[in-house]
Amino acid sequence: MSLHQMSRLARSRMGPLSRLHGRRRVHCVELRLVSWTLVSQNVFAASHWTVEFMSH
């Protein structure tokens, strides 16, 4: 087995791993975005409810 074949095999073995790592990073960003959206929505709803409560 030549060095070139070994490196190609190692790269093909590492391909799914690196792809998984990239997907995990994207997933982390998505989670942060979703949590930030939920928090901002909660803050907006709370401030809206406070305004409604104060205006009455």
N, C-alpha and C. Protein backbone atom coordinates (compact mmCIF):
# COMPACT_ATOMS: atom_id res chain seq x y z
N MET A 1 0.85 -1.20 0.00
CA MET A 1 0.00 0.00 0.00
C MET A 1 0.89 1.25 0.00
N SER A 2 0.64 2.12 -0.94
CA SER A 2 1.47 3.32 -1.04
C SER A 2 0.99 4.39 -0.07
N LEU A 3 1.84 5.37 0.12
CA LEU A 3 1.50 6.48 1.02
C LEU A 3 0.29 7.25 0.50
N HIS A 4 0.22 7.40 -0.82
CA HIS A 4 -0.89 8.12 -1.44
C HIS A 4 -2.22 7.41 -1.14
N GLN A 5 -2.23 6.07 -1.28
CA GLN A 5 -3.46 5.31 -1.01
C GLN A 5 -3.84 5.41 0.46
N MET A 6 -2.82 5.38 1.34
CA MET A 6 -3.11 5.47 2.77
C MET A 6 -3.70 6.83 3.12
N SER A 7 -3.13 7.90 2.53
CA SER A 7 -3.65 9.23 2.83
C SER A 7 -5.08 9.38 2.29
N ARG A 8 -5.32 8.77 1.12
CA ARG A 8 -6.67 8.84 0.55
C ARG A 8 -7.66 8.09 1.43
N LEU A 9 -7.23 6.94 1.95
CA LEU A 9 -8.08 6.16 2.83
C LEU A 9 -8.36 6.93 4.12
N ALA A 10 -7.32 7.56 4.66
CA ALA A 10 -7.49 8.34 5.89
C ALA A 10 -8.44 9.50 5.66
N ARG A 11 -8.32 10.13 4.48
CA ARG A 11 -9.19 11.26 4.18
C ARG A 11 -10.63 10.82 4.03
N SER A 12 -10.83 9.66 3.38
CA SER A 12 -12.19 9.16 3.22
C SER A 12 -12.77 8.72 4.56
N ARG A 13 -11.89 8.26 5.45
CA ARG A 13 -12.34 7.87 6.79
C ARG A 13 -12.68 9.12 7.60
N MET A 14 -11.92 10.21 7.36
CA MET A 14 -12.12 11.43 8.13
C MET A 14 -13.22 12.31 7.53
N GLY A 15 -13.61 12.04 6.28
CA GLY A 15 -14.61 12.88 5.62
C GLY A 15 -15.90 13.02 6.40
N PRO A 16 -16.55 11.89 6.75
CA PRO A 16 -17.80 11.98 7.52
C PRO A 16 -17.61 12.68 8.86
N LEU A 17 -16.44 12.50 9.48
CA LEU A 17 -16.19 13.14 10.78
C LEU A 17 -16.16 14.65 10.64
N SER A 18 -15.41 15.13 9.65
CA SER A 18 -15.32 16.58 9.46
C SER A 18 -16.68 17.15 9.06
N ARG A 19 -17.42 16.38 8.25
CA ARG A 19 -18.75 16.83 7.85
C ARG A 19 -19.66 16.93 9.07
N LEU A 20 -19.55 15.94 9.96
CA LEU A 20 -20.35 15.94 11.18
C LEU A 20 -19.98 17.13 12.05
N HIS A 21 -18.67 17.44 12.11
CA HIS A 21 -18.22 18.56 12.92
C HIS A 21 -18.79 19.88 12.39
N GLY A 22 -18.77 20.03 11.06
CA GLY A 22 -19.32 21.24 10.47
C GLY A 22 -20.82 21.36 10.72
N ARG A 23 -21.52 20.22 10.64
CA ARG A 23 -22.96 20.23 10.88
C ARG A 23 -23.25 20.57 12.33
N ARG A 24 -22.38 20.09 13.24
CA ARG A 24 -22.59 20.39 14.66
C ARG A 24 -22.45 21.88 14.91
N ARG A 25 -21.49 22.51 14.22
CA ARG A 25 -21.29 23.95 14.39
C ARG A 25 -22.52 24.70 13.88
N VAL A 26 -23.05 24.28 12.74
CA VAL A 26 -24.25 24.91 12.19
C VAL A 26 -25.42 24.71 13.14
N HIS A 27 -25.53 23.50 13.70
CA HIS A 27 -26.62 23.20 14.63
C HIS A 27 -26.52 24.09 15.86
N CYS A 28 -25.29 24.33 16.34
CA CYS A 28 -25.10 25.18 17.51
C CYS A 28 -25.56 26.60 17.21
N VAL A 29 -25.23 27.08 16.02
CA VAL A 29 -25.66 28.43 15.62
C VAL A 29 -27.18 28.49 15.52
N GLU A 30 -27.78 27.43 14.95
CA GLU A 30 -29.24 27.40 14.84
C GLU A 30 -29.90 27.42 16.22
N LEU A 31 -29.33 26.64 17.15
CA LEU A 31 -29.87 26.60 18.50
C LEU A 31 -29.81 27.97 19.15
N ARG A 32 -28.67 28.65 18.96
CA ARG A 32 -28.51 29.97 19.56
C ARG A 32 -29.50 30.95 18.95
N LEU A 33 -29.72 30.83 17.63
CA LEU A 33 -30.66 31.71 16.95
C LEU A 33 -32.08 31.48 17.44
N VAL A 34 -32.46 30.21 17.58
CA VAL A 34 -33.81 29.87 18.04
C VAL A 34 -34.02 30.35 19.47
N SER A 35 -33.03 30.12 20.33
CA SER A 35 -33.17 30.54 21.73
C SER A 35 -33.25 32.07 21.81
N TRP A 36 -32.44 32.77 20.99
CA TRP A 36 -32.48 34.23 21.00
C TRP A 36 -33.84 34.73 20.53
N THR A 37 -34.41 34.06 19.51
CA THR A 37 -35.72 34.45 19.00
C THR A 37 -36.79 34.25 20.07
N LEU A 38 -36.72 33.10 20.77
CA LEU A 38 -37.69 32.83 21.83
C LEU A 38 -37.58 33.86 22.94
N VAL A 39 -36.36 34.18 23.34
CA VAL A 39 -36.15 35.16 24.41
C VAL A 39 -36.69 36.52 24.00
N SER A 40 -36.38 36.94 22.78
CA SER A 40 -36.84 38.25 22.32
C SER A 40 -38.36 38.29 22.23
N GLN A 41 -38.97 37.18 21.80
CA GLN A 41 -40.43 37.11 21.73
C GLN A 41 -41.02 37.21 23.14
N ASN A 42 -40.39 36.52 24.10
CA ASN A 42 -40.88 36.57 25.48
C ASN A 42 -40.78 37.98 26.04
N VAL A 43 -39.66 38.64 25.76
CA VAL A 43 -39.47 40.01 26.23
C VAL A 43 -40.50 40.94 25.60
N PHE A 44 -40.73 40.75 24.30
CA PHE A 44 -41.72 41.57 23.60
C PHE A 44 -43.11 41.35 24.18
N ALA A 45 -43.47 40.08 24.42
CA ALA A 45 -44.79 39.77 24.98
C ALA A 45 -44.92 40.34 26.38
N ALA A 46 -43.86 40.23 27.18
CA ALA A 46 -43.91 40.74 28.55
C ALA A 46 -44.05 42.26 28.55
N SER A 47 -43.30 42.95 27.69
CA SER A 47 -43.39 44.41 27.64
C SER A 47 -44.76 44.83 27.12
N HIS A 48 -45.28 44.09 26.14
CA HIS A 48 -46.60 44.39 25.60
C HIS A 48 -47.67 44.22 26.68
N TRP A 49 -47.55 43.14 27.45
CA TRP A 49 -48.51 42.88 28.52
C TRP A 49 -48.41 43.95 29.60
N THR A 50 -47.18 44.41 29.88
CA THR A 50 -46.99 45.46 30.88
C THR A 50 -47.63 46.75 30.42
N VAL A 51 -47.48 47.08 29.14
CA VAL A 51 -48.09 48.30 28.60
C VAL A 51 -49.60 48.19 28.68
N GLU A 52 -50.15 47.04 28.32
CA GLU A 52 -51.60 46.83 28.39
C GLU A 52 -52.09 46.98 29.83
N PHE A 53 -51.32 46.42 30.76
CA PHE A 53 -51.71 46.45 32.17
C PHE A 53 -51.65 47.88 32.71
N MET A 54 -50.64 48.65 32.30
CA MET A 54 -50.48 50.01 32.81
C MET A 54 -51.52 50.95 32.20
N SER A 55 -51.90 50.71 30.96
CA SER A 55 -52.82 51.63 30.28
C SER A 55 -54.25 51.47 30.81
N HIS A 56 -54.56 50.35 31.41
CA HIS A 56 -55.92 50.13 31.92
C HIS A 56 -56.15 50.87 33.21
